Amino acid sequence: MLDIDLIREKTDFVKEGMNKVGADPELIERAKKCDEKWREINSEVERLKARRNRESKKVKSAPDDIRQTLINDLRQLGDKIDDLESNADEIYEELNTLLLNIPNIPDPDVPLGEGEEENVVIRQEGEIPEFGFDPQPHWEIAENLGIIDFERGAKMSGSRFYVLMQQGARLQRALITWMLDLHTIEHGYTEAYPPAIVQEKCLYGTGNLPKFAKNLYRDAEEDLWLIPTAEVPLTNLHREEILEAHVLPLCYTAYTPCFRREKMKAGTDVRGIKRGHQFDKVELMKYVKPEDSNQELEKLLDDAEEVCRRLRLPYRITQMCTGDLSFVAAKKYDIELWGAGCREWLEVSSCSNFKDFQARRARIRYRPAPQEKPEYLHTLNGSGLALPRVMIAIMENYQQADGSIRIPEVLQPYMNGCEAIKP
């Protein structure tokens, strides 16, 4: 959520930011007018309350013949104050709704662009593998090895569900455990295992609601929602808290299942496990001081990249242009692994700096120094990494001519020494 003071004082600057991300600048004008009306009514309420206090003091000493008139006038004044306060509450609710639907302002060094075709590839790491045979896509490799059962997954839950079997299930479990060990033991993150079901206010806090309600799963009877990512519970871990400056940065990592309604055009990515309504992910999340947030973003990106480096998978870093930023991000990098069989780059992490956008929505503050007034901190987030597409990259880049898959060296101890998944 944007600071209303910023909208009041730098309206043109905020409108310019809306133009950059493709949002309607009229939202800013409507929010500003709503805020002006709300403040005008509150000012009138305060004036009338002061008048009521003055008039109330006259009642006791007033002669009997005018006391009742004064009491009647005070009642009418009270009714007017009640009506104004009710009106102010309605306007404030309208203002809050507008603010909840206004996206973040892009960081100054985010490249300008209207869509994903104008994102900037920063660099590419690792060698694209060459094969002495025609590399197969992961769905063919997996079915031939019996490590993914697409048919039974669809039978149980419908399209875009599957069952990992045997060494496929073990490979995913090995990846999760190894990534958590890497981020906790070597990178210094604190591991958490949060709920996969949260209250509605948690999704408002991260910016998933109200904008992305159609992409989320919810309990129809309760105020409970399935998480689309561990970013949601990890951000709300310190919801409505004031942290001390000396504890920052706070760095968390978590493994969770994730649930999203994938809405795609017919015929798009219908094969394999690239897109699914349920998937597993290891998440990275940081609470940081505002002056450190862009530097901490680079560190977070490097921590996520280290997973790709250790797995010895080719990847590239892409910076999102203004037109392709998420609703909440001020700055964002994507990490994309190469899929040798499907022959495309697969996004496995979006590393974002949200600045104080989420912190305002979730009311997460920190005290810069003892006795000082609390300020909003900055939140950062990135996958470290998302499992289905890492699984795809391993299957397709480590495939062998005989149909087997070599296991990356770092994962072999987590698979009881297994070096390959063979037919």
Protein backbone atom coordinates (compact mmCIF):
# COMPACT_ATOMS: atom_id res chain seq x y z
CA MET A 1 0.00 0.00 0.00
CA LEU A 2 1.28 3.44 -0.88
CA ASP A 3 1.69 6.09 1.79
CA ILE A 4 -1.26 8.50 1.59
CA ASP A 5 1.14 11.35 2.46
CA LEU A 6 3.09 10.52 -0.71
CA ILE A 7 -0.12 10.73 -2.75
CA ARG A 8 -1.03 14.06 -1.10
CA GLU A 9 2.37 15.67 -1.48
CA LYS A 10 3.75 14.14 -4.71
CA THR A 11 0.67 13.42 -6.78
CA ASP A 12 2.36 13.86 -10.16
CA PHE A 13 5.26 11.60 -9.14
CA VAL A 14 2.84 8.84 -8.10
CA LYS A 15 0.81 9.22 -11.31
CA GLU A 16 4.03 8.92 -13.32
CA GLY A 17 4.74 5.66 -11.47
CA MET A 18 1.25 4.38 -12.36
CA ASN A 19 1.87 5.18 -16.03
CA LYS A 20 5.12 3.20 -15.93
CA VAL A 21 3.43 0.03 -14.63
CA GLY A 22 0.38 0.38 -16.86
CA ALA A 23 -2.05 1.29 -14.06
CA ASP A 24 -4.77 3.92 -14.31
CA PRO A 25 -3.46 7.25 -12.90
CA GLU A 26 -7.10 8.22 -12.26
CA LEU A 27 -6.97 5.92 -9.22
CA ILE A 28 -4.54 8.38 -7.65
CA GLU A 29 -6.79 11.36 -8.32
CA ARG A 30 -9.79 9.52 -6.89
CA ALA A 31 -7.80 8.53 -3.79
CA LYS A 32 -6.59 12.11 -3.32
CA LYS A 33 -10.13 13.55 -3.58
CA CYS A 34 -11.45 10.89 -1.24
CA ASP A 35 -8.73 11.71 1.28
CA GLU A 36 -9.46 15.44 1.02
CA LYS A 37 -13.17 14.83 1.63
CA TRP A 38 -12.43 12.55 4.59
CA ARG A 39 -10.13 15.10 6.19
CA GLU A 40 -12.63 17.90 5.56
CA ILE A 41 -15.41 15.96 7.33
CA ASN A 42 -13.11 15.02 10.23
CA SER A 43 -12.16 18.65 10.62
CA GLU A 44 -15.86 19.60 10.79
CA VAL A 45 -16.49 16.82 13.31
CA GLU A 46 -13.71 18.12 15.55
CA ARG A 47 -15.10 21.66 15.29
CA LEU A 48 -18.60 20.50 16.23
CA LYS A 49 -17.31 18.38 19.12
CA ALA A 50 -15.48 21.39 20.49
CA ARG A 51 -18.67 23.41 20.20
CA ARG A 52 -20.65 20.66 21.95
CA ASN A 53 -18.15 20.67 24.82
CA ARG A 54 -18.52 24.43 25.20
CA GLU A 55 -22.32 24.30 25.08
CA SER A 56 -22.47 21.36 27.51
CA LYS A 57 -20.77 23.45 30.17
CA LYS A 58 -23.58 26.03 29.94
CA VAL A 59 -26.39 23.57 30.67
CA LYS A 60 -25.87 23.24 34.45
CA SER A 61 -25.79 26.98 35.06
CA ALA A 62 -28.53 27.87 32.57
CA PRO A 63 -31.89 29.14 33.84
CA ASP A 64 -34.71 26.59 33.83
CA ASP A 65 -36.56 28.31 30.99
CA ILE A 66 -33.68 27.84 28.50
CA ARG A 67 -32.02 24.67 29.85
CA GLN A 68 -34.29 22.34 27.85
CA THR A 69 -33.67 24.36 24.70
CA LEU A 70 -29.92 23.96 25.21
CA ILE A 71 -30.36 20.20 25.79
CA ASN A 72 -32.41 19.87 22.60
CA ASP A 73 -29.77 21.83 20.67
CA LEU A 74 -27.04 19.53 22.04
CA ARG A 75 -29.01 16.46 20.94
CA GLN A 76 -29.36 17.86 17.45
CA LEU A 77 -25.67 18.67 17.45
CA GLY A 78 -24.87 15.12 18.57
CA ASP A 79 -27.04 13.69 15.80
CA LYS A 80 -25.21 15.83 13.25
CA ILE A 81 -21.84 14.65 14.59
CA ASP A 82 -23.01 11.02 14.38
CA ASP A 83 -24.14 11.51 10.78
CA LEU A 84 -20.84 13.13 9.83
CA GLU A 85 -18.80 10.37 11.52
CA SER A 86 -20.83 7.73 9.72
CA ASN A 87 -20.19 9.53 6.43
CA ALA A 88 -16.48 9.79 7.28
CA ASP A 89 -16.34 6.04 7.95
CA GLU A 90 -17.89 5.31 4.55
CA ILE A 91 -15.45 7.62 2.79
CA TYR A 92 -12.50 6.11 4.69
CA GLU A 93 -13.63 2.63 3.60
CA GLU A 94 -13.77 3.86 0.00
CA LEU A 95 -10.30 5.40 0.37
CA ASN A 96 -8.91 2.18 1.84
CA THR A 97 -10.40 0.16 -1.03
CA LEU A 98 -8.78 2.50 -3.55
CA LEU A 99 -5.40 2.26 -1.80
CA LEU A 100 -5.60 -1.55 -1.74
CA ASN A 101 -6.02 -1.55 -5.53
CA ILE A 102 -3.12 0.82 -6.31
CA PRO A 103 0.11 -1.02 -7.30
CA ASN A 104 3.60 -0.27 -6.07
CA ILE A 105 5.78 2.41 -7.66
CA PRO A 106 8.76 1.02 -9.60
CA ASP A 107 12.29 1.66 -8.37
CA PRO A 108 14.12 4.34 -10.40
CA ASP A 109 16.59 1.83 -11.90
CA VAL A 110 13.89 -0.53 -13.22
CA PRO A 111 14.07 -0.53 -17.06
CA LEU A 112 11.13 1.06 -18.86
CA GLY A 113 8.94 -1.24 -20.91
CA GLU A 114 5.35 -2.19 -21.62
CA GLY A 115 5.53 -5.97 -21.29
CA GLU A 116 7.63 -9.11 -20.89
CA GLU A 117 9.19 -8.74 -24.34
CA GLU A 118 11.04 -5.70 -22.98
CA ASN A 119 12.47 -7.43 -19.91
CA VAL A 120 16.26 -7.27 -19.80
CA VAL A 121 18.47 -10.37 -19.67
CA ILE A 122 21.23 -9.33 -17.26
CA ARG A 123 23.46 -12.38 -17.74
CA GLN A 124 23.51 -16.09 -18.52
CA GLU A 125 25.45 -18.63 -16.49
CA GLY A 126 26.49 -22.20 -17.32
CA GLU A 127 26.77 -24.03 -20.61
CA ILE A 128 23.71 -25.15 -22.56
CA PRO A 129 24.16 -28.96 -22.78
CA GLU A 130 24.78 -30.66 -26.09
CA PHE A 131 23.60 -34.20 -26.71
CA GLY A 132 24.57 -36.90 -29.17
CA PHE A 133 20.87 -37.74 -29.42
CA ASP A 134 17.56 -35.94 -29.67
CA PRO A 135 16.78 -34.77 -26.10
CA GLN A 136 13.30 -35.65 -24.86
CA PRO A 137 10.88 -33.47 -22.88
CA HIS A 138 10.48 -34.35 -19.21
CA TRP A 139 6.98 -35.84 -19.55
CA GLU A 140 8.31 -38.52 -21.89
CA ILE A 141 11.41 -39.18 -19.77
CA ALA A 142 9.36 -39.40 -16.57
CA GLU A 143 6.68 -41.69 -17.96
CA ASN A 144 9.28 -44.05 -19.44
CA LEU A 145 11.02 -44.23 -16.05
CA GLY A 146 7.74 -44.59 -14.14
CA ILE A 147 8.54 -41.65 -11.84
CA ILE A 148 5.51 -39.48 -12.69
CA ASP A 149 1.97 -40.80 -13.11
CA PHE A 150 -0.06 -38.21 -14.99
CA GLU A 151 -3.07 -40.44 -15.65
CA ARG A 152 -3.76 -41.33 -12.03
CA GLY A 153 -3.14 -37.75 -10.89
CA ALA A 154 -5.83 -36.54 -13.30
CA LYS A 155 -8.13 -39.39 -12.25
CA MET A 156 -7.99 -38.28 -8.63
CA SER A 157 -7.95 -34.49 -8.96
CA GLY A 158 -8.46 -33.44 -12.57
CA SER A 159 -6.20 -31.77 -15.10
CA ARG A 160 -2.84 -30.29 -14.02
CA PHE A 161 -2.40 -32.78 -11.19
CA TYR A 162 0.08 -35.65 -11.17
CA VAL A 163 1.64 -38.20 -8.83
CA LEU A 164 5.39 -38.34 -8.25
CA MET A 165 6.36 -41.99 -7.89
CA GLN A 166 9.35 -43.93 -6.59
CA GLN A 167 12.63 -42.13 -7.38
CA GLY A 168 10.68 -39.14 -8.68
CA ALA A 169 9.16 -38.57 -5.25
CA ARG A 170 12.54 -39.19 -3.64
CA LEU A 171 14.28 -36.72 -5.96
CA GLN A 172 11.84 -33.97 -5.00
CA ARG A 173 12.25 -34.77 -1.30
CA ALA A 174 16.03 -34.68 -1.72
CA LEU A 175 15.85 -31.28 -3.41
CA ILE A 176 13.69 -29.81 -0.62
CA THR A 177 15.95 -31.07 2.15
CA TRP A 178 19.16 -30.05 0.40
CA MET A 179 17.90 -26.55 -0.41
CA LEU A 180 16.77 -25.99 3.18
CA ASP A 181 20.17 -27.18 4.43
CA LEU A 182 21.96 -24.85 1.99
CA HIS A 183 19.94 -21.79 3.00
CA THR A 184 20.06 -22.45 6.75
CA ILE A 185 23.56 -23.84 7.26
CA GLU A 186 25.47 -21.81 4.66
CA HIS A 187 23.33 -18.73 4.00
CA GLY A 188 22.16 -18.12 7.57
CA TYR A 189 18.39 -18.18 7.11
CA THR A 190 16.11 -19.30 9.92
CA GLU A 191 13.94 -22.25 8.93
CA ALA A 192 10.21 -22.14 9.57
CA TYR A 193 7.37 -24.52 8.78
CA PRO A 194 4.30 -22.24 8.65
CA PRO A 195 0.62 -23.10 8.10
CA ALA A 196 -0.50 -23.66 4.52
CA ILE A 197 -3.92 -22.19 5.40
CA VAL A 198 -4.21 -18.56 6.52
CA GLN A 199 -6.82 -15.94 7.33
CA GLU A 200 -8.00 -13.50 4.69
CA LYS A 201 -6.19 -10.53 6.27
CA CYS A 202 -2.85 -12.26 5.65
CA LEU A 203 -3.46 -12.19 1.89
CA TYR A 204 -4.43 -8.53 2.05
CA GLY A 205 -1.16 -7.94 3.89
CA THR A 206 0.97 -9.37 1.07
CA GLY A 207 -1.08 -7.84 -1.75
CA ASN A 208 -2.61 -11.08 -3.05
CA LEU A 209 -6.04 -9.70 -2.16
CA PRO A 210 -8.11 -8.14 -3.50
CA LYS A 211 -6.43 -8.16 -6.93
CA PHE A 212 -5.72 -11.90 -7.31
CA ALA A 213 -8.77 -13.42 -5.59
CA LYS A 214 -9.69 -15.46 -8.68
CA ASN A 215 -6.32 -17.22 -8.58
CA LEU A 216 -6.64 -18.39 -4.96
CA TYR A 217 -8.31 -21.34 -3.28
CA ARG A 218 -10.46 -20.67 -0.22
CA ASP A 219 -12.68 -22.42 2.30
CA ALA A 220 -16.24 -21.48 1.35
CA GLU A 221 -17.47 -21.45 4.96
CA GLU A 222 -14.51 -20.04 6.90
CA ASP A 223 -12.22 -17.02 6.62
CA LEU A 224 -9.43 -19.35 5.49
CA TRP A 225 -7.39 -19.47 2.29
CA LEU A 226 -4.81 -21.93 0.91
CA ILE A 227 -1.48 -20.17 0.46
CA PRO A 228 -0.21 -19.47 -3.08
CA THR A 229 3.35 -19.27 -1.67
CA ALA A 230 5.12 -19.32 1.70
CA GLU A 231 5.67 -15.59 1.20
CA VAL A 232 2.18 -15.12 2.68
CA PRO A 233 2.69 -16.75 6.10
CA LEU A 234 6.33 -15.65 6.36
CA THR A 235 5.39 -12.00 5.78
CA ASN A 236 2.56 -12.25 8.31
CA LEU A 237 4.84 -13.87 10.86
CA HIS A 238 5.53 -10.38 12.23
CA ARG A 239 2.21 -8.81 11.28
CA GLU A 240 1.27 -5.79 13.45
CA GLU A 241 4.60 -5.95 15.30
CA ILE A 242 7.29 -3.37 16.06
CA LEU A 243 10.76 -4.87 15.69
CA GLU A 244 13.96 -3.46 17.12
CA ALA A 245 16.57 -2.27 14.62
CA HIS A 246 19.31 -4.52 15.99
CA VAL A 247 17.44 -7.71 14.97
CA LEU A 248 17.34 -6.70 11.29
CA PRO A 249 17.75 -8.16 8.81
CA LEU A 250 15.50 -11.09 9.69
CA CYS A 251 15.91 -13.85 7.10
CA TYR A 252 13.54 -16.81 6.86
CA THR A 253 13.32 -19.88 4.66
CA ALA A 254 10.45 -22.34 4.49
CA TYR A 255 9.25 -25.32 2.55
CA THR A 256 5.50 -25.42 1.89
CA PRO A 257 3.02 -26.78 -0.59
CA CYS A 258 1.52 -23.99 -2.69
CA PHE A 259 -1.93 -23.75 -4.28
CA ARG A 260 -2.94 -21.56 -7.24
CA ARG A 261 -5.71 -21.61 -9.80
CA GLU A 262 -3.79 -21.72 -13.06
CA LYS A 263 -5.82 -19.87 -15.68
CA MET A 264 -4.34 -20.31 -19.14
CA LYS A 265 -5.44 -20.32 -22.73
CA ALA A 266 -6.49 -23.68 -24.16
CA GLY A 267 -3.51 -25.66 -25.39
CA THR A 268 -0.95 -23.70 -23.33
CA ASP A 269 1.58 -25.84 -21.42
CA VAL A 270 -0.80 -28.80 -21.30
CA ARG A 271 1.99 -31.38 -21.10
CA GLY A 272 4.13 -32.11 -18.09
CA ILE A 273 4.52 -30.42 -14.72
CA LYS A 274 5.42 -26.87 -15.70
CA ARG A 275 2.10 -25.51 -14.46
CA GLY A 276 -0.05 -27.08 -11.78
CA HIS A 277 -2.65 -26.11 -9.21
CA GLN A 278 -0.50 -27.65 -6.43
CA PHE A 279 3.27 -27.56 -6.21
CA ASP A 280 6.10 -27.46 -3.67
CA LYS A 281 8.50 -24.60 -3.11
CA VAL A 282 11.32 -23.50 -0.84
CA GLU A 283 10.91 -19.80 -0.08
CA LEU A 284 13.30 -17.03 1.03
CA MET A 285 12.00 -13.96 2.85
CA LYS A 286 13.67 -10.93 4.47
CA TYR A 287 12.68 -8.07 6.77
CA VAL A 288 15.24 -5.28 6.34
CA LYS A 289 15.97 -1.62 7.08
CA PRO A 290 14.86 0.65 4.20
CA GLU A 291 18.39 1.87 3.46
CA ASP A 292 19.61 -1.72 3.05
CA SER A 293 16.82 -3.17 0.92
CA ASN A 294 18.35 -3.01 -2.58
CA GLN A 295 21.66 -4.41 -1.29
CA GLU A 296 19.75 -7.18 0.51
CA LEU A 297 17.88 -7.94 -2.72
CA GLU A 298 21.18 -8.64 -4.47
CA LYS A 299 22.18 -10.97 -1.62
CA LEU A 300 18.86 -12.78 -1.79
CA LEU A 301 19.24 -13.18 -5.55
CA ASP A 302 22.73 -14.64 -5.08
CA ASP A 303 21.44 -17.10 -2.46
CA ALA A 304 18.80 -18.33 -4.89
CA GLU A 305 21.32 -18.49 -7.74
CA GLU A 306 23.60 -20.66 -5.62
CA VAL A 307 21.04 -23.45 -5.92
CA CYS A 308 21.42 -23.33 -9.71
CA ARG A 309 25.21 -23.19 -9.49
CA ARG A 310 25.46 -26.16 -7.13
CA LEU A 311 23.12 -28.21 -9.32
CA ARG A 312 25.28 -27.25 -12.32
CA LEU A 313 22.27 -26.19 -14.36
CA PRO A 314 22.38 -23.45 -17.02
CA TYR A 315 20.38 -20.40 -16.01
CA ARG A 316 19.89 -16.73 -16.74
CA ILE A 317 18.90 -13.64 -14.75
CA THR A 318 16.23 -11.37 -16.19
CA GLN A 319 15.24 -8.00 -14.75
CA MET A 320 11.55 -7.18 -15.12
CA CYS A 321 10.73 -3.94 -16.91
CA THR A 322 8.17 -1.53 -15.47
CA GLY A 323 5.30 -3.03 -17.47
CA ASP A 324 6.00 -6.58 -16.25
CA LEU A 325 6.51 -5.93 -12.55
CA SER A 326 4.13 -7.68 -10.19
CA PHE A 327 1.44 -5.65 -8.41
CA VAL A 328 3.52 -5.47 -5.21
CA ALA A 329 7.14 -5.34 -6.44
CA ALA A 330 9.20 -2.16 -6.79
CA LYS A 331 12.07 -4.13 -8.34
CA LYS A 332 12.22 -7.75 -9.48
CA TYR A 333 14.61 -10.29 -10.98
CA ASP A 334 13.62 -13.67 -12.41
CA ILE A 335 15.88 -16.71 -12.37
CA GLU A 336 15.22 -19.01 -15.33
CA LEU A 337 16.61 -22.51 -15.81
CA TRP A 338 17.12 -23.98 -19.26
CA GLY A 339 14.90 -26.92 -20.21
CA ALA A 340 16.86 -28.93 -22.79
CA GLY A 341 13.92 -31.13 -23.81
CA CYS A 342 11.13 -28.57 -24.00
CA ARG A 343 13.74 -26.08 -25.21
CA GLU A 344 12.63 -23.07 -23.20
CA TRP A 345 13.66 -20.98 -20.23
CA LEU A 346 11.76 -21.93 -17.08
CA GLU A 347 11.17 -19.36 -14.35
CA VAL A 348 12.10 -20.92 -10.99
CA SER A 349 12.31 -17.80 -8.82
CA SER A 350 11.17 -14.19 -8.72
CA CYS A 351 13.33 -12.18 -6.33
CA SER A 352 11.57 -8.96 -5.39
CA ASN A 353 12.00 -5.84 -3.28
CA PHE A 354 8.58 -4.66 -2.14
CA LYS A 355 9.98 -1.71 -0.15
CA ASP A 356 7.37 -0.66 2.46
CA PHE A 357 4.38 -1.68 0.30
CA GLN A 358 3.61 -4.92 2.17
CA ALA A 359 4.77 -3.57 5.53
CA ARG A 360 2.12 -0.83 5.39
CA ARG A 361 -0.61 -3.31 4.55
CA ALA A 362 0.46 -5.72 7.32
CA ARG A 363 1.53 -2.94 9.73
CA ILE A 364 5.07 -4.22 10.27
CA ARG A 365 7.37 -1.57 11.69
CA TYR A 366 10.75 -1.23 13.33
CA ARG A 367 12.24 1.25 15.79
CA PRO A 368 15.39 2.84 14.26
CA ALA A 369 16.77 3.63 17.74
CA PRO A 370 15.55 3.38 21.35
CA GLN A 371 12.73 5.85 22.10
CA GLU A 372 12.42 6.80 18.43
CA LYS A 373 9.13 6.70 16.55
CA PRO A 374 8.53 3.36 14.72
CA GLU A 375 8.86 3.36 10.92
CA TYR A 376 7.80 0.90 8.25
CA LEU A 377 10.53 -1.56 7.27
CA HIS A 378 11.06 -3.15 3.85
CA THR A 379 10.20 -6.74 2.87
CA LEU A 380 11.91 -8.89 0.23
CA ASN A 381 11.03 -12.28 -1.14
CA GLY A 382 12.19 -14.92 -3.61
CA SER A 383 11.90 -18.62 -4.29
CA GLY A 384 14.87 -20.67 -3.36
CA LEU A 385 13.66 -22.52 -5.58
CA ALA A 386 10.29 -23.69 -6.97
CA LEU A 387 10.34 -27.47 -7.26
CA PRO A 388 8.42 -28.52 -10.37
CA ARG A 389 10.59 -26.57 -12.78
CA VAL A 390 13.83 -27.50 -11.02
CA MET A 391 12.71 -31.10 -11.42
CA ILE A 392 12.09 -30.43 -15.14
CA ALA A 393 15.55 -28.90 -15.57
CA ILE A 394 17.26 -31.85 -13.87
CA MET A 395 15.35 -34.45 -15.89
CA GLU A 396 15.94 -32.70 -19.21
CA ASN A 397 19.52 -31.50 -18.75
CA TYR A 398 20.79 -34.65 -17.03
CA GLN A 399 19.05 -37.13 -19.38
CA GLN A 400 21.15 -39.88 -20.98
CA ALA A 401 20.89 -41.69 -24.30
CA ASP A 402 19.60 -44.86 -22.59
CA GLY A 403 16.67 -42.95 -21.05
CA SER A 404 18.20 -42.64 -17.58
CA ILE A 405 18.73 -39.45 -15.57
CA ARG A 406 21.99 -38.69 -13.81
CA ILE A 407 21.54 -37.32 -10.30
CA PRO A 408 23.37 -34.04 -9.61
CA GLU A 409 26.35 -34.72 -7.38
CA VAL A 410 25.11 -32.50 -4.51
CA LEU A 411 21.88 -34.50 -4.30
CA GLN A 412 23.40 -37.98 -4.26
CA PRO A 413 23.98 -38.04 -0.46
CA TYR A 414 20.29 -37.11 -0.04
CA MET A 415 19.30 -40.07 -2.24
CA ASN A 416 21.30 -42.68 -0.34
CA GLY A 417 24.15 -42.52 -2.85
CA CYS A 418 21.98 -43.09 -5.91
CA GLU A 419 23.86 -41.77 -8.98
CA ALA A 420 21.17 -42.25 -11.63
CA ILE A 421 17.51 -43.06 -12.14
CA LYS A 422 17.50 -45.87 -14.66
CA PRO A 423 14.84 -47.57 -16.79
